[in-house]
Amino acid sequence: MKNEKDCDICKKSGKIHFRIKSINYTKWIFCCKKCWNIISKEDQYSYGGTRKS
């Protein structure tokens, strides 16, 4: 869709992404809910907000 952004991990587009970082992603990235469910369980996980397009 026109206003949708891509997940930095799986590259699928969507309207809502979570700004996160973890032990495996040391710089801030945006990910979809599916990827967020996995990364939120990693060590050094940090949540930095939600992007809605």
C-alpha atoms as a PDB file:
ATOM      1  CA  MET A   1       0.000   0.000   0.000  1.00  0.00           C
ATOM      2  CA  LYS A   2       0.970   3.631  -0.465  1.00  0.00           C
ATOM      3  CA  ASN A   3       1.437   4.609   3.205  1.00  0.00           C
ATOM      4  CA  GLU A   4       2.785   1.296   4.468  1.00  0.00           C
ATOM      5  CA  LYS A   5       6.422   0.855   5.486  1.00  0.00           C
ATOM      6  CA  ASP A   6       8.584  -2.287   5.344  1.00  0.00           C
ATOM      7  CA  CYS A   7       9.751  -4.287   8.350  1.00  0.00           C
ATOM      8  CA  ASP A   8      13.553  -4.039   8.642  1.00  0.00           C
ATOM      9  CA  ILE A   9      13.760  -7.785   9.336  1.00  0.00           C
ATOM     10  CA  CYS A  10      11.268  -9.669   7.154  1.00  0.00           C
ATOM     11  CA  LYS A  11      10.703  -6.792   4.658  1.00  0.00           C
ATOM     12  CA  LYS A  12       6.904  -7.253   4.693  1.00  0.00           C
ATOM     13  CA  SER A  13       4.966  -4.009   4.512  1.00  0.00           C
ATOM     14  CA  GLY A  14       2.455  -2.939   7.117  1.00  0.00           C
ATOM     15  CA  LYS A  15       0.909   0.026   8.896  1.00  0.00           C
ATOM     16  CA  ILE A  16       2.325  -0.553  12.395  1.00  0.00           C
ATOM     17  CA  HIS A  17       5.960  -1.152  13.322  1.00  0.00           C
ATOM     18  CA  PHE A  18       7.802  -1.199  16.631  1.00  0.00           C
ATOM     19  CA  ARG A  19      11.106   0.632  17.161  1.00  0.00           C
ATOM     20  CA  ILE A  20      13.357  -1.821  18.949  1.00  0.00           C
ATOM     21  CA  LYS A  21      16.917  -2.959  19.586  1.00  0.00           C
ATOM     22  CA  SER A  22      18.397  -6.040  21.246  1.00  0.00           C
ATOM     23  CA  ILE A  23      21.592  -8.020  21.602  1.00  0.00           C
ATOM     24  CA  ASN A  24      21.284  -9.087  17.941  1.00  0.00           C
ATOM     25  CA  TYR A  25      20.125  -5.653  16.670  1.00  0.00           C
ATOM     26  CA  THR A  26      22.339  -3.099  18.403  1.00  0.00           C
ATOM     27  CA  LYS A  27      21.042  -0.127  16.385  1.00  0.00           C
ATOM     28  CA  TRP A  28      17.400   0.977  16.375  1.00  0.00           C
ATOM     29  CA  ILE A  29      15.259  -0.775  13.754  1.00  0.00           C
ATOM     30  CA  PHE A  30      11.555  -0.949  12.934  1.00  0.00           C
ATOM     31  CA  CYS A  31       9.877  -4.346  12.887  1.00  0.00           C
ATOM     32  CA  CYS A  32       6.393  -5.769  12.410  1.00  0.00           C
ATOM     33  CA  LYS A  33       4.418  -7.434  15.198  1.00  0.00           C
ATOM     34  CA  LYS A  34       5.414 -10.936  14.072  1.00  0.00           C
ATOM     35  CA  CYS A  35       9.140 -10.139  14.251  1.00  0.00           C
ATOM     36  CA  TRP A  36       8.646  -8.094  17.443  1.00  0.00           C
ATOM     37  CA  ASN A  37       7.208 -11.170  19.209  1.00  0.00           C
ATOM     38  CA  ILE A  38      10.533 -12.938  18.612  1.00  0.00           C
ATOM     39  CA  ILE A  39      12.936 -10.067  19.288  1.00  0.00           C
ATOM     40  CA  SER A  40      11.166  -8.906  22.464  1.00  0.00           C
ATOM     41  CA  LYS A  41      12.385 -12.107  24.153  1.00  0.00           C
ATOM     42  CA  GLU A  42      16.086 -11.480  23.333  1.00  0.00           C
ATOM     43  CA  ASP A  43      18.645 -10.197  25.829  1.00  0.00           C
ATOM     44  CA  GLN A  44      19.164  -6.425  26.058  1.00  0.00           C
ATOM     45  CA  TYR A  45      15.777  -5.798  24.412  1.00  0.00           C
ATOM     46  CA  SER A  46      14.672  -2.153  24.330  1.00  0.00           C
ATOM     47  CA  TYR A  47      11.420  -0.692  23.063  1.00  0.00           C
ATOM     48  CA  GLY A  48      11.556   2.771  21.508  1.00  0.00           C
ATOM     49  CA  GLY A  49       8.007   3.471  20.382  1.00  0.00           C
ATOM     50  CA  THR A  50       5.468   2.588  17.740  1.00  0.00           C
ATOM     51  CA  ARG A  51       5.306   3.927  14.173  1.00  0.00           C
ATOM     52  CA  LYS A  52       1.880   4.069  12.561  1.00  0.00           C
ATOM     53  CA  SER A  53       1.605   4.884   8.871  1.00  0.00           C
END
